[in-house]
Structures are given as C-alpha cells and as structure tokens.
Amino acid sequence: MKFIKFFVINLLPIVIVMSTIFIASSQSSDQQDISPVLDRVSDESSLRGIAASVKERIDGVADRVIALAINHPSIVLVSFTVMAILIAVLFFRLVHSPDSTVKKVLKSIIYSGIMFMFMATAVFAVKSDSVIEVIRNQLSLDQIRTLLTRIDFTYAGSTVNLQSHGVDGLMEFFLRKGAHFFLFALLGFFVFLALFKLTRRSLSSFIIAMIVVIAYAALDEYRQTFIPSRSGLIEDVILDTAGGLFGATMGWLKKLISRSLR
C-alpha cells in the first residue's frame, strides 16, 4: 500500500512530466510530428500508427477547443469559472483535513498552482501555434507590436527581436522557452520531493535532483540533434537547468515551511 501511494504521489508525476518533455521535444520545427523519433525507437509500424492516431486526436481536440474559445468567449469564461470552483473545492477539502489550517492552506495553494502550471505548460508545449491564435484574437496587432518592439537580445548566437522573428515567431519563441522552463521546474520539484521521501535529507535530495535535471536536459538536447530541423543547444540546457533549480528550490522551501508549521 505504501509503495502504491509513493508511486501515485511521487513517481507518477515525474513520469508524466518526463513524457511531456519527450513528446514536445520530439516534434520538428516545421510540423508537430513524432515519427522521426519513433523510427529510431522502434521498427514496429503499429507503434507509429498508434502514436500518429493519438497525436491526430489530440490535435483535433485542441483545434476544436481553440475554435470554441475564439467563437464563443462566454463559454470559455464559464469553463474558467468551473475550473476555479473545482480548485476552490480542492482548496477547502484540504483545509478541512485533520492537519493544521495554516499548513493545509499553504499546501492547497502549492498544489493548485502546480496543477495550473502543468496544464498551461502542457498546452504551450504541444499547441503553441493555437495559443498564439488566441492571443492575437484577444489583443490587437498594434498592441502586440508595441510590447514586442522592446525585446532585443541574443540567444544561442542568434538575434531575438521583432525584425528577425516577426510577431508570431517571437511569441512562439517565448511560449516554447517558457514551457521548457516550467516543465523542468516541475521535474525538479517532483524529483526533489520523491528523493526527500526516500532519504529524508534535504541537501542530498536537492543535489541528486539537480543532477537528474541536468542529465535529462542534456540528453534531451542531444537527442534533438538526430531530429530533422532540430538542433541541440547548450543555452537550452542552461535554461532547463534554471527551471529545474527553481523547481527543486520550491520543493525544498515547501519542506522547510511544512517543518516550521509542525
């Protein structure tokens, strides 16, 4: 029973985050297609067919949701209201548990934030082009340009600004980089908590969690060098590591707060 609880609470989130990162980074720059990776992972045509079918269904659902958001914003508002109610139910459910009220309030905020971040970053990683469409329908092109004209820096030896990327390209750049940062933050957070559950040592759990994050980030970038139209960047490894550092630090902070409230 303890192992099942440990697997569901501590290990399953790690598997989900790693799988999300793997799928997102397996897509080519021109089109979201994971077949190049599947060709190297397995020679079974059935596996490729299943993956293509799943991807097609996910894309179809995402496109319908985006179209619904554009054509019926009131429905989106109601959906967010329902989501807020569900989060509130979770919040008060944890508050009324046997533990202290303050502790449960903090845990509720943390868990609700993690849920929201994971849902948002998963959408950004898989359908950033659709997210851009929603943004453009909510803001005028002039408003977007005014915000983006102030951005000008160099990343991986390339200039990142409005002139080099355009409006859509610049928004997609930040969405994808932001998604990577938060996904690796979640990875660092969950790996730290799982290790702390096993060892009860904060420092060693933090160090090992960072080693796992850095190793997975480096392996992820190296794997992208074998994918058409993709390339591995040391800057992306640094960005992913920063995300993992943030997540592991939040996990450590969570444990410190929990101890202080006991």
C-alpha atoms as a PDB file:
ATOM      1  CA  MET A   1       0.000   0.000   0.000  1.00  0.00           C
ATOM      2  CA  LYS A   2       2.847   2.385   0.846  1.00  0.00           C
ATOM      3  CA  PHE A   3       4.538   1.673  -2.478  1.00  0.00           C
ATOM      4  CA  ILE A   4       1.313   2.348  -4.403  1.00  0.00           C
ATOM      5  CA  LYS A   5       0.891   5.660  -2.589  1.00  0.00           C
ATOM      6  CA  PHE A   6       4.540   6.559  -3.253  1.00  0.00           C
ATOM      7  CA  PHE A   7       4.162   5.646  -6.922  1.00  0.00           C
ATOM      8  CA  VAL A   8       0.975   7.674  -7.447  1.00  0.00           C
ATOM      9  CA  ILE A   9       2.015  10.745  -5.451  1.00  0.00           C
ATOM     10  CA  ASN A  10       5.770  10.886  -6.094  1.00  0.00           C
ATOM     11  CA  LEU A  11       6.758   8.795  -9.111  1.00  0.00           C
ATOM     12  CA  LEU A  12       3.793   9.178 -11.467  1.00  0.00           C
ATOM     13  CA  PRO A  13       4.132  12.999 -11.720  1.00  0.00           C
ATOM     14  CA  ILE A  14       7.803  12.544 -12.682  1.00  0.00           C
ATOM     15  CA  VAL A  15       6.872  10.075 -15.421  1.00  0.00           C
ATOM     16  CA  ILE A  16       4.157  12.416 -16.740  1.00  0.00           C
ATOM     17  CA  VAL A  17       6.477  15.445 -16.836  1.00  0.00           C
ATOM     18  CA  MET A  18       9.309  13.492 -18.480  1.00  0.00           C
ATOM     19  CA  SER A  19       6.887  12.095 -21.060  1.00  0.00           C
ATOM     20  CA  THR A  20       5.554  15.575 -21.811  1.00  0.00           C
ATOM     21  CA  ILE A  21       9.095  16.887 -22.320  1.00  0.00           C
ATOM     22  CA  PHE A  22       9.946  13.915 -24.522  1.00  0.00           C
ATOM     23  CA  ILE A  23       6.883  14.352 -26.741  1.00  0.00           C
ATOM     24  CA  ALA A  24       7.292  18.125 -27.022  1.00  0.00           C
ATOM     25  CA  SER A  25      10.969  17.939 -27.948  1.00  0.00           C
ATOM     26  CA  SER A  26      10.310  15.150 -30.438  1.00  0.00           C
ATOM     27  CA  GLN A  27       8.364  17.488 -32.707  1.00  0.00           C
ATOM     28  CA  SER A  28      10.101  19.019 -35.707  1.00  0.00           C
ATOM     29  CA  SER A  29      10.230  22.762 -36.159  1.00  0.00           C
ATOM     30  CA  ASP A  30       8.019  22.712 -39.258  1.00  0.00           C
ATOM     31  CA  GLN A  31       5.331  20.367 -38.066  1.00  0.00           C
ATOM     32  CA  GLN A  32       4.443  18.516 -34.902  1.00  0.00           C
ATOM     33  CA  ASP A  33       5.455  15.042 -35.939  1.00  0.00           C
ATOM     34  CA  ILE A  34       6.958  12.404 -33.638  1.00  0.00           C
ATOM     35  CA  SER A  35       7.536   9.805 -36.369  1.00  0.00           C
ATOM     36  CA  PRO A  36      11.300  10.572 -36.699  1.00  0.00           C
ATOM     37  CA  VAL A  37      11.765   9.650 -33.057  1.00  0.00           C
ATOM     38  CA  LEU A  38       9.610   6.553 -33.363  1.00  0.00           C
ATOM     39  CA  ASP A  39      11.699   5.380 -36.315  1.00  0.00           C
ATOM     40  CA  ARG A  40      14.742   5.321 -34.047  1.00  0.00           C
ATOM     41  CA  VAL A  41      12.954   3.925 -31.019  1.00  0.00           C
ATOM     42  CA  SER A  42      11.190   1.030 -32.732  1.00  0.00           C
ATOM     43  CA  ASP A  43      10.783  -0.568 -36.124  1.00  0.00           C
ATOM     44  CA  GLU A  44       7.207  -1.589 -35.381  1.00  0.00           C
ATOM     45  CA  SER A  45       4.887   0.155 -37.827  1.00  0.00           C
ATOM     46  CA  SER A  46       1.978  -0.447 -35.488  1.00  0.00           C
ATOM     47  CA  LEU A  47       3.627   1.723 -32.823  1.00  0.00           C
ATOM     48  CA  ARG A  48       3.985   4.569 -35.294  1.00  0.00           C
ATOM     49  CA  GLY A  49       0.361   4.148 -36.330  1.00  0.00           C
ATOM     50  CA  ILE A  50      -0.872   4.276 -32.745  1.00  0.00           C
ATOM     51  CA  ALA A  51       1.228   7.358 -31.993  1.00  0.00           C
ATOM     52  CA  ALA A  52       0.008   9.101 -35.157  1.00  0.00           C
ATOM     53  CA  SER A  53      -3.598   8.284 -34.288  1.00  0.00           C
ATOM     54  CA  VAL A  54      -3.206   9.601 -30.736  1.00  0.00           C
ATOM     55  CA  LYS A  55      -1.486  12.758 -31.995  1.00  0.00           C
ATOM     56  CA  GLU A  56      -4.240  13.327 -34.573  1.00  0.00           C
ATOM     57  CA  ARG A  57      -6.921  13.021 -31.918  1.00  0.00           C
ATOM     58  CA  ILE A  58      -5.084  15.388 -29.558  1.00  0.00           C
ATOM     59  CA  ASP A  59      -4.644  17.932 -32.355  1.00  0.00           C
ATOM     60  CA  GLY A  60      -8.313  17.611 -33.284  1.00  0.00           C
ATOM     61  CA  VAL A  61      -9.488  18.171 -29.720  1.00  0.00           C
ATOM     62  CA  ALA A  62      -7.094  21.108 -29.270  1.00  0.00           C
ATOM     63  CA  ASP A  63      -8.240  22.720 -32.528  1.00  0.00           C
ATOM     64  CA  ARG A  64     -11.891  22.378 -31.544  1.00  0.00           C
ATOM     65  CA  VAL A  65     -11.202  23.905 -28.131  1.00  0.00           C
ATOM     66  CA  ILE A  66      -9.341  26.830 -29.728  1.00  0.00           C
ATOM     67  CA  ALA A  67     -12.147  27.397 -32.251  1.00  0.00           C
ATOM     68  CA  LEU A  68     -14.663  27.329 -29.420  1.00  0.00           C
ATOM     69  CA  ALA A  69     -12.603  29.876 -27.470  1.00  0.00           C
ATOM     70  CA  ILE A  70     -12.474  32.215 -30.478  1.00  0.00           C
ATOM     71  CA  ASN A  71     -16.128  31.946 -31.478  1.00  0.00           C
ATOM     72  CA  HIS A  72     -17.701  31.670 -28.017  1.00  0.00           C
ATOM     73  CA  PRO A  73     -15.651  33.573 -25.407  1.00  0.00           C
ATOM     74  CA  SER A  74     -18.551  33.375 -22.946  1.00  0.00           C
ATOM     75  CA  ILE A  75     -18.238  29.592 -22.875  1.00  0.00           C
ATOM     76  CA  VAL A  76     -14.540  29.957 -22.101  1.00  0.00           C
ATOM     77  CA  LEU A  77     -15.400  32.285 -19.236  1.00  0.00           C
ATOM     78  CA  VAL A  78     -17.854  29.743 -17.841  1.00  0.00           C
ATOM     79  CA  SER A  79     -15.236  26.996 -18.195  1.00  0.00           C
ATOM     80  CA  PHE A  80     -12.678  29.003 -16.260  1.00  0.00           C
ATOM     81  CA  THR A  81     -15.320  29.689 -13.618  1.00  0.00           C
ATOM     82  CA  VAL A  82     -15.995  25.972 -13.280  1.00  0.00           C
ATOM     83  CA  MET A  83     -12.261  25.329 -13.048  1.00  0.00           C
ATOM     84  CA  ALA A  84     -11.975  27.967 -10.343  1.00  0.00           C
ATOM     85  CA  ILE A  85     -14.812  26.293  -8.434  1.00  0.00           C
ATOM     86  CA  LEU A  86     -13.087  22.915  -8.691  1.00  0.00           C
ATOM     87  CA  ILE A  87      -9.843  24.412  -7.405  1.00  0.00           C
ATOM     88  CA  ALA A  88     -11.794  26.053  -4.583  1.00  0.00           C
ATOM     89  CA  VAL A  89     -13.359  22.692  -3.698  1.00  0.00           C
ATOM     90  CA  LEU A  90      -9.894  21.139  -3.590  1.00  0.00           C
ATOM     91  CA  PHE A  91      -8.695  24.067  -1.504  1.00  0.00           C
ATOM     92  CA  PHE A  92     -11.423  23.734   1.138  1.00  0.00           C
ATOM     93  CA  ARG A  93     -11.224  19.949   1.102  1.00  0.00           C
ATOM     94  CA  LEU A  94      -7.592  20.133   2.138  1.00  0.00           C
ATOM     95  CA  VAL A  95      -8.262  22.927   4.610  1.00  0.00           C
ATOM     96  CA  HIS A  96     -10.797  20.800   6.488  1.00  0.00           C
ATOM     97  CA  SER A  97      -8.450  17.826   6.778  1.00  0.00           C
ATOM     98  CA  PRO A  98      -7.108  16.805  10.231  1.00  0.00           C
ATOM     99  CA  ASP A  99      -3.851  18.801   9.909  1.00  0.00           C
ATOM    100  CA  SER A 100      -3.498  22.434  10.973  1.00  0.00           C
ATOM    101  CA  THR A 101      -5.427  25.020   8.966  1.00  0.00           C
ATOM    102  CA  VAL A 102      -2.438  27.160   8.049  1.00  0.00           C
ATOM    103  CA  LYS A 103      -0.481  24.168   6.844  1.00  0.00           C
ATOM    104  CA  LYS A 104      -3.338  22.966   4.697  1.00  0.00           C
ATOM    105  CA  VAL A 105      -3.910  26.425   3.224  1.00  0.00           C
ATOM    106  CA  LEU A 106      -0.273  26.564   2.129  1.00  0.00           C
ATOM    107  CA  LYS A 107      -0.433  23.047   0.728  1.00  0.00           C
ATOM    108  CA  SER A 108      -3.625  23.900  -1.136  1.00  0.00           C
ATOM    109  CA  ILE A 109      -2.043  26.967  -2.729  1.00  0.00           C
ATOM    110  CA  ILE A 110       1.026  24.975  -3.744  1.00  0.00           C
ATOM    111  CA  TYR A 111      -0.939  22.067  -5.206  1.00  0.00           C
ATOM    112  CA  SER A 112      -3.388  24.326  -7.034  1.00  0.00           C
ATOM    113  CA  GLY A 113      -0.502  26.326  -8.507  1.00  0.00           C
ATOM    114  CA  ILE A 114       1.242  23.159  -9.661  1.00  0.00           C
ATOM    115  CA  MET A 115      -1.952  21.911 -11.322  1.00  0.00           C
ATOM    116  CA  PHE A 116      -2.434  25.194 -13.162  1.00  0.00           C
ATOM    117  CA  MET A 117       1.228  25.423 -14.256  1.00  0.00           C
ATOM    118  CA  PHE A 118       1.256  21.885 -15.583  1.00  0.00           C
ATOM    119  CA  MET A 119      -1.957  22.318 -17.575  1.00  0.00           C
ATOM    120  CA  ALA A 120      -0.796  25.628 -19.021  1.00  0.00           C
ATOM    121  CA  THR A 121       2.715  24.475 -19.945  1.00  0.00           C
ATOM    122  CA  ALA A 122       1.415  21.252 -21.469  1.00  0.00           C
ATOM    123  CA  VAL A 123      -0.802  23.298 -23.796  1.00  0.00           C
ATOM    124  CA  PHE A 124       2.069  25.667 -24.638  1.00  0.00           C
ATOM    125  CA  ALA A 125       4.424  22.798 -25.431  1.00  0.00           C
ATOM    126  CA  VAL A 126       2.007  20.890 -27.654  1.00  0.00           C
ATOM    127  CA  LYS A 127      -0.046  23.619 -29.340  1.00  0.00           C
ATOM    128  CA  SER A 128       1.843  26.901 -29.096  1.00  0.00           C
ATOM    129  CA  ASP A 129       0.576  27.952 -32.518  1.00  0.00           C
ATOM    130  CA  SER A 130      -3.015  27.678 -31.299  1.00  0.00           C
ATOM    131  CA  VAL A 131      -2.192  29.649 -28.156  1.00  0.00           C
ATOM    132  CA  ILE A 132      -0.756  32.393 -30.372  1.00  0.00           C
ATOM    133  CA  GLU A 133      -4.029  32.475 -32.328  1.00  0.00           C
ATOM    134  CA  VAL A 134      -5.986  33.057 -29.121  1.00  0.00           C
ATOM    135  CA  ILE A 135      -3.587  35.829 -28.027  1.00  0.00           C
ATOM    136  CA  ARG A 136      -3.890  37.566 -31.376  1.00  0.00           C
ATOM    137  CA  ASN A 137      -7.678  37.465 -31.172  1.00  0.00           C
ATOM    138  CA  GLN A 138      -7.666  38.992 -27.680  1.00  0.00           C
ATOM    139  CA  LEU A 139      -5.097  41.730 -28.413  1.00  0.00           C
ATOM    140  CA  SER A 140      -4.767  43.979 -31.426  1.00  0.00           C
ATOM    141  CA  LEU A 141      -1.725  43.598 -33.649  1.00  0.00           C
ATOM    142  CA  ASP A 142      -0.607  47.123 -32.744  1.00  0.00           C
ATOM    143  CA  GLN A 143      -0.733  46.310 -29.033  1.00  0.00           C
ATOM    144  CA  ILE A 144       1.311  43.174 -29.564  1.00  0.00           C
ATOM    145  CA  ARG A 145       3.866  45.013 -31.698  1.00  0.00           C
ATOM    146  CA  THR A 146       4.239  47.755 -29.088  1.00  0.00           C
ATOM    147  CA  LEU A 147       5.107  45.165 -26.468  1.00  0.00           C
ATOM    148  CA  LEU A 148       7.427  43.147 -28.687  1.00  0.00           C
ATOM    149  CA  THR A 149       9.413  46.084 -30.125  1.00  0.00           C
ATOM    150  CA  ARG A 150      11.153  46.458 -26.755  1.00  0.00           C
ATOM    151  CA  ILE A 151      12.587  42.949 -26.948  1.00  0.00           C
ATOM    152  CA  ASP A 152      16.083  42.665 -28.397  1.00  0.00           C
ATOM    153  CA  PHE A 153      18.719  40.185 -27.203  1.00  0.00           C
ATOM    154  CA  THR A 154      20.936  37.348 -28.414  1.00  0.00           C
ATOM    155  CA  TYR A 155      20.155  33.685 -27.774  1.00  0.00           C
ATOM    156  CA  ALA A 156      22.399  30.861 -28.982  1.00  0.00           C
ATOM    157  CA  GLY A 157      24.253  33.269 -31.257  1.00  0.00           C
ATOM    158  CA  SER A 158      21.065  34.492 -32.942  1.00  0.00           C
ATOM    159  CA  THR A 159      19.376  37.852 -32.511  1.00  0.00           C
ATOM    160  CA  VAL A 160      15.918  37.639 -30.998  1.00  0.00           C
ATOM    161  CA  ASN A 161      13.751  40.632 -31.810  1.00  0.00           C
ATOM    162  CA  LEU A 162      10.675  41.628 -33.774  1.00  0.00           C
ATOM    163  CA  GLN A 163      12.604  42.169 -37.010  1.00  0.00           C
ATOM    164  CA  SER A 164      14.224  38.729 -37.005  1.00  0.00           C
ATOM    165  CA  HIS A 165      11.284  36.627 -35.801  1.00  0.00           C
ATOM    166  CA  GLY A 166       8.131  38.584 -36.559  1.00  0.00           C
ATOM    167  CA  VAL A 167       5.161  38.788 -34.209  1.00  0.00           C
ATOM    168  CA  ASP A 168       4.141  35.125 -34.339  1.00  0.00           C
ATOM    169  CA  GLY A 169       7.716  33.860 -34.254  1.00  0.00           C
ATOM    170  CA  LEU A 170       8.641  35.974 -31.241  1.00  0.00           C
ATOM    171  CA  MET A 171       5.557  34.923 -29.284  1.00  0.00           C
ATOM    172  CA  GLU A 172       6.173  31.278 -30.138  1.00  0.00           C
ATOM    173  CA  PHE A 173       9.807  31.624 -29.024  1.00  0.00           C
ATOM    174  CA  PHE A 174       8.816  32.810 -25.547  1.00  0.00           C
ATOM    175  CA  LEU A 175       5.966  30.316 -25.256  1.00  0.00           C
ATOM    176  CA  ARG A 176       8.220  27.380 -26.055  1.00  0.00           C
ATOM    177  CA  LYS A 177      11.120  28.553 -23.889  1.00  0.00           C
ATOM    178  CA  GLY A 178       8.727  29.356 -21.066  1.00  0.00           C
ATOM    179  CA  ALA A 179       7.112  25.935 -21.395  1.00  0.00           C
ATOM    180  CA  HIS A 180      10.516  24.250 -21.179  1.00  0.00           C
ATOM    181  CA  PHE A 181      11.435  26.296 -18.102  1.00  0.00           C
ATOM    182  CA  PHE A 182       8.265  25.376 -16.225  1.00  0.00           C
ATOM    183  CA  LEU A 183       8.274  21.729 -17.306  1.00  0.00           C
ATOM    184  CA  PHE A 184      11.805  21.304 -15.971  1.00  0.00           C
ATOM    185  CA  ALA A 185      10.779  23.273 -12.878  1.00  0.00           C
ATOM    186  CA  LEU A 186       8.056  20.690 -12.320  1.00  0.00           C
ATOM    187  CA  LEU A 187      10.587  17.925 -12.931  1.00  0.00           C
ATOM    188  CA  GLY A 188      12.989  19.365 -10.348  1.00  0.00           C
ATOM    189  CA  PHE A 189      10.133  19.871  -7.884  1.00  0.00           C
ATOM    190  CA  PHE A 190       8.774  16.336  -8.114  1.00  0.00           C
ATOM    191  CA  VAL A 191      12.193  14.632  -8.224  1.00  0.00           C
ATOM    192  CA  PHE A 192      13.258  16.510  -5.087  1.00  0.00           C
ATOM    193  CA  LEU A 193      10.073  15.511  -3.238  1.00  0.00           C
ATOM    194  CA  ALA A 194      10.449  11.861  -4.277  1.00  0.00           C
ATOM    195  CA  LEU A 195      14.082  11.737  -3.156  1.00  0.00           C
ATOM    196  CA  PHE A 196      13.293  13.514   0.103  1.00  0.00           C
ATOM    197  CA  LYS A 197      10.538  10.979   0.746  1.00  0.00           C
ATOM    198  CA  LEU A 198      13.127   8.207   0.455  1.00  0.00           C
ATOM    199  CA  THR A 199      16.144   9.777   2.174  1.00  0.00           C
ATOM    200  CA  ARG A 200      14.679  12.489   4.454  1.00  0.00           C
ATOM    201  CA  ARG A 201      17.799  14.533   3.659  1.00  0.00           C
ATOM    202  CA  SER A 202      17.222  17.899   2.037  1.00  0.00           C
ATOM    203  CA  LEU A 203      20.721  18.682   0.748  1.00  0.00           C
ATOM    204  CA  SER A 204      21.415  15.284  -0.799  1.00  0.00           C
ATOM    205  CA  SER A 205      17.915  15.213  -2.320  1.00  0.00           C
ATOM    206  CA  PHE A 206      18.482  18.668  -3.813  1.00  0.00           C
ATOM    207  CA  ILE A 207      21.880  17.745  -5.282  1.00  0.00           C
ATOM    208  CA  ILE A 208      20.649  14.478  -6.786  1.00  0.00           C
ATOM    209  CA  ALA A 209      17.536  16.195  -8.150  1.00  0.00           C
ATOM    210  CA  MET A 210      19.711  18.759  -9.916  1.00  0.00           C
ATOM    211  CA  ILE A 211      21.921  16.000 -11.328  1.00  0.00           C
ATOM    212  CA  VAL A 212      18.813  14.284 -12.713  1.00  0.00           C
ATOM    213  CA  VAL A 213      17.537  17.555 -14.206  1.00  0.00           C
ATOM    214  CA  ILE A 214      20.866  18.442 -15.839  1.00  0.00           C
ATOM    215  CA  ALA A 215      21.354  14.919 -17.187  1.00  0.00           C
ATOM    216  CA  TYR A 216      17.838  14.767 -18.638  1.00  0.00           C
ATOM    217  CA  ALA A 217      18.163  18.260 -20.125  1.00  0.00           C
ATOM    218  CA  ALA A 218      21.498  17.387 -21.759  1.00  0.00           C
ATOM    219  CA  LEU A 219      20.157  14.064 -23.049  1.00  0.00           C
ATOM    220  CA  ASP A 220      17.053  15.804 -24.388  1.00  0.00           C
ATOM    221  CA  GLU A 221      19.121  18.349 -26.321  1.00  0.00           C
ATOM    222  CA  TYR A 222      21.495  15.663 -27.625  1.00  0.00           C
ATOM    223  CA  ARG A 223      18.542  13.600 -28.832  1.00  0.00           C
ATOM    224  CA  GLN A 224      17.217  16.604 -30.747  1.00  0.00           C
ATOM    225  CA  THR A 225      20.352  16.613 -32.913  1.00  0.00           C
ATOM    226  CA  PHE A 226      19.016  13.441 -34.543  1.00  0.00           C
ATOM    227  CA  ILE A 227      15.629  15.007 -35.339  1.00  0.00           C
ATOM    228  CA  PRO A 228      15.203  16.762 -38.715  1.00  0.00           C
ATOM    229  CA  SER A 229      15.130  20.581 -38.496  1.00  0.00           C
ATOM    230  CA  ARG A 230      16.018  20.468 -34.786  1.00  0.00           C
ATOM    231  CA  SER A 231      19.341  21.136 -33.074  1.00  0.00           C
ATOM    232  CA  GLY A 232      20.681  20.733 -29.557  1.00  0.00           C
ATOM    233  CA  LEU A 233      21.674  23.978 -27.837  1.00  0.00           C
ATOM    234  CA  ILE A 234      23.775  24.415 -24.711  1.00  0.00           C
ATOM    235  CA  GLU A 235      21.677  27.511 -23.997  1.00  0.00           C
ATOM    236  CA  ASP A 236      18.579  25.322 -23.789  1.00  0.00           C
ATOM    237  CA  VAL A 237      20.352  23.048 -21.313  1.00  0.00           C
ATOM    238  CA  ILE A 238      21.148  26.109 -19.188  1.00  0.00           C
ATOM    239  CA  LEU A 239      17.531  27.287 -19.437  1.00  0.00           C
ATOM    240  CA  ASP A 240      16.210  23.853 -18.481  1.00  0.00           C
ATOM    241  CA  THR A 241      18.679  23.678 -15.597  1.00  0.00           C
ATOM    242  CA  ALA A 242      17.488  27.066 -14.362  1.00  0.00           C
ATOM    243  CA  GLY A 243      13.934  25.745 -14.433  1.00  0.00           C
ATOM    244  CA  GLY A 244      14.964  22.623 -12.538  1.00  0.00           C
ATOM    245  CA  LEU A 245      16.832  24.761  -9.997  1.00  0.00           C
ATOM    246  CA  PHE A 246      13.713  26.853  -9.460  1.00  0.00           C
ATOM    247  CA  GLY A 247      11.516  23.772  -9.045  1.00  0.00           C
ATOM    248  CA  ALA A 248      13.881  21.953  -6.690  1.00  0.00           C
ATOM    249  CA  THR A 249      14.228  25.130  -4.616  1.00  0.00           C
ATOM    250  CA  MET A 250      10.444  25.393  -4.384  1.00  0.00           C
ATOM    251  CA  GLY A 251      10.318  21.761  -3.258  1.00  0.00           C
ATOM    252  CA  TRP A 252      12.942  22.442  -0.592  1.00  0.00           C
ATOM    253  CA  LEU A 253      11.066  25.561   0.504  1.00  0.00           C
ATOM    254  CA  LYS A 254       7.860  23.530   0.742  1.00  0.00           C
ATOM    255  CA  LYS A 255       9.551  21.085   3.112  1.00  0.00           C
ATOM    256  CA  LEU A 256      11.009  23.897   5.219  1.00  0.00           C
ATOM    257  CA  ILE A 257       7.572  25.502   5.566  1.00  0.00           C
ATOM    258  CA  SER A 258       5.995  22.149   6.438  1.00  0.00           C
ATOM    259  CA  ARG A 259       8.589  21.557   9.159  1.00  0.00           C
ATOM    260  CA  SER A 260       8.170  25.023  10.633  1.00  0.00           C
ATOM    261  CA  LEU A 261       4.400  24.530  10.924  1.00  0.00           C
ATOM    262  CA  ARG A 262       4.661  21.269  12.817  1.00  0.00           C
END
